[in-house]
Amino acid sequence: MKVKQISIFLENKSGRLAQVTKVLADHNINLRALSLADTADFGILRIIVNDANKAVNILKEAGYTFGETDVVAVEVPDKPGGLASILSALWSAGLGVEYMYAFVKSSGDNAVMIFRFENTDKAIEVLKNNNFKMLTGEEVYNI
């Protein structure tokens, strides 16, 4: 149930985001989900792509600084309290969320939350025990 995420460190400089996305696009890497956080000096582009291994090789060849992380993709019911129920189950188990971001597979469907946990394996166990639907890496990569 783990999904590979790539975190790319970018100078907070005009055009850097365009450059990295063009490098990926030129090699047929399709972005499935992303999050961008920045400070005054740099940004962290977190991406999930259709082919993480190929993307890592491309980024390495292009000289980007990046890291790989396991995250968890969880379907969130599109109703009031959908996210709260997931977070409540995690909190009750003593688990914290380092960060999260969301995307929608298609209009009108459930949202998918990408979570980075302090303890990924324990979080997966808690989510399973509470019958939350998690997506496999293949499901996310092929959306």
C-alpha atoms as a PDB file:
ATOM      1  CA  MET A   1       0.000   0.000   0.000  1.00  0.00           C
ATOM      2  CA  LYS A   2       3.010   2.297  -0.159  1.00  0.00           C
ATOM      3  CA  VAL A   3       3.373   4.793  -2.979  1.00  0.00           C
ATOM      4  CA  LYS A   4       6.721   6.197  -4.151  1.00  0.00           C
ATOM      5  CA  GLN A   5       7.009   9.966  -3.978  1.00  0.00           C
ATOM      6  CA  ILE A   6       9.913  12.010  -5.286  1.00  0.00           C
ATOM      7  CA  SER A   7      10.835  15.244  -3.502  1.00  0.00           C
ATOM      8  CA  ILE A   8      12.852  17.621  -5.683  1.00  0.00           C
ATOM      9  CA  PHE A   9      14.696  20.555  -4.140  1.00  0.00           C
ATOM     10  CA  LEU A  10      14.521  23.651  -6.322  1.00  0.00           C
ATOM     11  CA  GLU A  11      16.062  27.081  -6.001  1.00  0.00           C
ATOM     12  CA  ASN A  12      13.337  29.624  -5.374  1.00  0.00           C
ATOM     13  CA  LYS A  13      14.106  31.247  -8.703  1.00  0.00           C
ATOM     14  CA  SER A  14      11.883  32.080 -11.651  1.00  0.00           C
ATOM     15  CA  GLY A  15      11.672  29.260 -14.187  1.00  0.00           C
ATOM     16  CA  ARG A  16      12.989  26.396 -12.036  1.00  0.00           C
ATOM     17  CA  LEU A  17       9.578  24.735 -11.759  1.00  0.00           C
ATOM     18  CA  ALA A  18       9.051  25.064 -15.506  1.00  0.00           C
ATOM     19  CA  GLN A  19      12.470  23.531 -16.158  1.00  0.00           C
ATOM     20  CA  VAL A  20      11.992  20.426 -14.039  1.00  0.00           C
ATOM     21  CA  THR A  21       8.494  19.758 -15.372  1.00  0.00           C
ATOM     22  CA  LYS A  22       9.795  20.130 -18.948  1.00  0.00           C
ATOM     23  CA  VAL A  23      12.626  17.668 -18.291  1.00  0.00           C
ATOM     24  CA  LEU A  24      10.089  15.139 -17.045  1.00  0.00           C
ATOM     25  CA  ALA A  25       7.648  15.826 -19.883  1.00  0.00           C
ATOM     26  CA  ASP A  26      10.385  15.449 -22.500  1.00  0.00           C
ATOM     27  CA  HIS A  27      10.861  11.879 -21.239  1.00  0.00           C
ATOM     28  CA  ASN A  28       7.128  11.021 -21.118  1.00  0.00           C
ATOM     29  CA  ILE A  29       6.911  11.167 -17.333  1.00  0.00           C
ATOM     30  CA  ASN A  30       3.336  11.975 -16.366  1.00  0.00           C
ATOM     31  CA  LEU A  31       2.618  13.753 -13.087  1.00  0.00           C
ATOM     32  CA  ARG A  32      -0.130  12.034 -11.088  1.00  0.00           C
ATOM     33  CA  ALA A  33      -0.086  14.223  -7.982  1.00  0.00           C
ATOM     34  CA  LEU A  34       2.053  17.071  -6.733  1.00  0.00           C
ATOM     35  CA  SER A  35       2.603  19.498  -3.926  1.00  0.00           C
ATOM     36  CA  LEU A  36       4.885  22.518  -3.842  1.00  0.00           C
ATOM     37  CA  ALA A  37       6.120  24.149  -0.667  1.00  0.00           C
ATOM     38  CA  ASP A  38       8.559  27.032  -0.614  1.00  0.00           C
ATOM     39  CA  THR A  39      10.706  29.193   1.602  1.00  0.00           C
ATOM     40  CA  ALA A  40      12.576  32.360   0.714  1.00  0.00           C
ATOM     41  CA  ASP A  41      15.523  30.353  -0.667  1.00  0.00           C
ATOM     42  CA  PHE A  42      14.208  27.057  -2.016  1.00  0.00           C
ATOM     43  CA  GLY A  43      11.147  24.985  -2.786  1.00  0.00           C
ATOM     44  CA  ILE A  44      10.308  21.337  -2.378  1.00  0.00           C
ATOM     45  CA  LEU A  45       8.337  19.842  -5.243  1.00  0.00           C
ATOM     46  CA  ARG A  46       6.755  16.579  -4.125  1.00  0.00           C
ATOM     47  CA  ILE A  47       5.531  14.476  -7.041  1.00  0.00           C
ATOM     48  CA  ILE A  48       4.010  11.109  -7.750  1.00  0.00           C
ATOM     49  CA  VAL A  49       4.565  10.033 -11.337  1.00  0.00           C
ATOM     50  CA  ASN A  50       3.634   7.184 -13.650  1.00  0.00           C
ATOM     51  CA  ASP A  51       7.198   5.761 -13.632  1.00  0.00           C
ATOM     52  CA  ALA A  52       9.215   6.647 -10.519  1.00  0.00           C
ATOM     53  CA  ASN A  53      12.316   4.635 -11.472  1.00  0.00           C
ATOM     54  CA  LYS A  54      12.606   6.326 -14.867  1.00  0.00           C
ATOM     55  CA  ALA A  55      11.967   9.756 -13.299  1.00  0.00           C
ATOM     56  CA  VAL A  56      14.727   9.192 -10.733  1.00  0.00           C
ATOM     57  CA  ASN A  57      17.220   8.343 -13.478  1.00  0.00           C
ATOM     58  CA  ILE A  58      16.212  11.391 -15.514  1.00  0.00           C
ATOM     59  CA  LEU A  59      16.474  13.725 -12.514  1.00  0.00           C
ATOM     60  CA  LYS A  60      19.872  12.261 -11.627  1.00  0.00           C
ATOM     61  CA  GLU A  61      21.176  12.793 -15.178  1.00  0.00           C
ATOM     62  CA  ALA A  62      19.821  16.354 -15.196  1.00  0.00           C
ATOM     63  CA  GLY A  63      21.638  17.150 -11.936  1.00  0.00           C
ATOM     64  CA  TYR A  64      18.636  17.731  -9.669  1.00  0.00           C
ATOM     65  CA  THR A  65      18.827  17.171  -5.927  1.00  0.00           C
ATOM     66  CA  PHE A  66      15.991  14.923  -4.834  1.00  0.00           C
ATOM     67  CA  GLY A  67      14.918  12.235  -2.399  1.00  0.00           C
ATOM     68  CA  GLU A  68      12.502   9.320  -2.489  1.00  0.00           C
ATOM     69  CA  THR A  69       9.851   8.751   0.158  1.00  0.00           C
ATOM     70  CA  ASP A  70       7.104   6.235   0.830  1.00  0.00           C
ATOM     71  CA  VAL A  71       3.682   7.811   1.212  1.00  0.00           C
ATOM     72  CA  VAL A  72       0.170   6.375   1.543  1.00  0.00           C
ATOM     73  CA  ALA A  73      -2.777   7.190  -0.738  1.00  0.00           C
ATOM     74  CA  VAL A  74      -6.164   6.982   0.983  1.00  0.00           C
ATOM     75  CA  GLU A  75      -9.576   7.549  -0.555  1.00  0.00           C
ATOM     76  CA  VAL A  76     -11.500  10.186   1.377  1.00  0.00           C
ATOM     77  CA  PRO A  77     -15.292  10.128   1.228  1.00  0.00           C
ATOM     78  CA  ASP A  78     -16.614  13.305  -0.380  1.00  0.00           C
ATOM     79  CA  LYS A  79     -18.847  14.277   2.531  1.00  0.00           C
ATOM     80  CA  PRO A  80     -18.538  16.381   5.666  1.00  0.00           C
ATOM     81  CA  GLY A  81     -16.277  14.581   8.128  1.00  0.00           C
ATOM     82  CA  GLY A  82     -14.621  12.321   5.539  1.00  0.00           C
ATOM     83  CA  LEU A  83     -11.106  13.503   6.328  1.00  0.00           C
ATOM     84  CA  ALA A  84     -11.902  13.957  10.021  1.00  0.00           C
ATOM     85  CA  SER A  85     -12.759  10.243  10.353  1.00  0.00           C
ATOM     86  CA  ILE A  86      -9.387   9.213   8.938  1.00  0.00           C
ATOM     87  CA  LEU A  87      -7.446  11.687  11.065  1.00  0.00           C
ATOM     88  CA  SER A  88      -9.401  10.667  14.171  1.00  0.00           C
ATOM     89  CA  ALA A  89      -8.510   6.992  13.687  1.00  0.00           C
ATOM     90  CA  LEU A  90      -4.843   7.884  13.253  1.00  0.00           C
ATOM     91  CA  TRP A  91      -4.847  10.218  16.252  1.00  0.00           C
ATOM     92  CA  SER A  92      -6.516   7.564  18.421  1.00  0.00           C
ATOM     93  CA  ALA A  93      -3.662   5.212  17.532  1.00  0.00           C
ATOM     94  CA  GLY A  94      -1.104   7.855  18.509  1.00  0.00           C
ATOM     95  CA  LEU A  95       0.014   8.517  14.942  1.00  0.00           C
ATOM     96  CA  GLY A  96       0.982  11.897  13.580  1.00  0.00           C
ATOM     97  CA  VAL A  97       0.888  13.179  10.022  1.00  0.00           C
ATOM     98  CA  GLU A  98       4.053  14.865   8.761  1.00  0.00           C
ATOM     99  CA  TYR A  99       2.275  16.367   5.750  1.00  0.00           C
ATOM    100  CA  MET A 100      -0.514  15.636   3.303  1.00  0.00           C
ATOM    101  CA  TYR A 101      -1.967  16.827   0.026  1.00  0.00           C
ATOM    102  CA  ALA A 102      -4.908  15.776  -2.114  1.00  0.00           C
ATOM    103  CA  PHE A 103      -6.036  15.157  -5.664  1.00  0.00           C
ATOM    104  CA  VAL A 104      -9.229  13.946  -7.333  1.00  0.00           C
ATOM    105  CA  LYS A 105      -9.228  10.964  -9.700  1.00  0.00           C
ATOM    106  CA  SER A 106     -12.203  12.309 -11.636  1.00  0.00           C
ATOM    107  CA  SER A 107     -14.894  14.875 -11.012  1.00  0.00           C
ATOM    108  CA  GLY A 108     -17.550  13.691  -8.568  1.00  0.00           C
ATOM    109  CA  ASP A 109     -15.421  10.862  -7.153  1.00  0.00           C
ATOM    110  CA  ASN A 110     -13.817  10.592  -3.764  1.00  0.00           C
ATOM    111  CA  ALA A 111     -10.713  12.647  -3.190  1.00  0.00           C
ATOM    112  CA  VAL A 112      -7.411  10.878  -2.637  1.00  0.00           C
ATOM    113  CA  MET A 113      -5.221  12.127   0.210  1.00  0.00           C
ATOM    114  CA  ILE A 114      -1.497  11.520   0.077  1.00  0.00           C
ATOM    115  CA  PHE A 115      -0.116  11.137   3.605  1.00  0.00           C
ATOM    116  CA  ARG A 116       3.432  11.100   4.910  1.00  0.00           C
ATOM    117  CA  PHE A 117       3.442   9.507   8.358  1.00  0.00           C
ATOM    118  CA  GLU A 118       5.919   9.297  11.192  1.00  0.00           C
ATOM    119  CA  ASN A 119       5.405   5.514  11.115  1.00  0.00           C
ATOM    120  CA  THR A 120       4.124   4.395   7.705  1.00  0.00           C
ATOM    121  CA  ASP A 121       3.731   0.696   8.492  1.00  0.00           C
ATOM    122  CA  LYS A 122       1.725   1.345  11.660  1.00  0.00           C
ATOM    123  CA  ALA A 123      -0.444   3.894   9.819  1.00  0.00           C
ATOM    124  CA  ILE A 124      -1.230   1.342   7.093  1.00  0.00           C
ATOM    125  CA  GLU A 125      -2.239  -1.164   9.771  1.00  0.00           C
ATOM    126  CA  VAL A 126      -4.540   1.375  11.477  1.00  0.00           C
ATOM    127  CA  LEU A 127      -6.115   2.400   8.169  1.00  0.00           C
ATOM    128  CA  LYS A 128      -6.723  -1.256   7.222  1.00  0.00           C
ATOM    129  CA  ASN A 129      -8.219  -2.040  10.643  1.00  0.00           C
ATOM    130  CA  ASN A 130     -10.604   0.903  10.247  1.00  0.00           C
ATOM    131  CA  ASN A 131     -11.641  -0.175   6.725  1.00  0.00           C
ATOM    132  CA  PHE A 132     -10.307   2.890   4.929  1.00  0.00           C
ATOM    133  CA  LYS A 133      -9.578   2.274   1.254  1.00  0.00           C
ATOM    134  CA  MET A 134      -5.948   2.696   0.370  1.00  0.00           C
ATOM    135  CA  LEU A 135      -4.691   2.720  -3.190  1.00  0.00           C
ATOM    136  CA  THR A 136      -1.702   0.679  -4.265  1.00  0.00           C
ATOM    137  CA  GLY A 137       1.219   2.335  -5.971  1.00  0.00           C
ATOM    138  CA  GLU A 138       0.136   0.835  -9.293  1.00  0.00           C
ATOM    139  CA  GLU A 139      -3.372   2.253  -8.900  1.00  0.00           C
ATOM    140  CA  VAL A 140      -1.986   5.744  -8.303  1.00  0.00           C
ATOM    141  CA  TYR A 141       0.679   5.560 -11.033  1.00  0.00           C
ATOM    142  CA  ASN A 142      -1.948   4.489 -13.580  1.00  0.00           C
ATOM    143  CA  ILE A 143      -4.612   7.082 -12.804  1.00  0.00           C
END
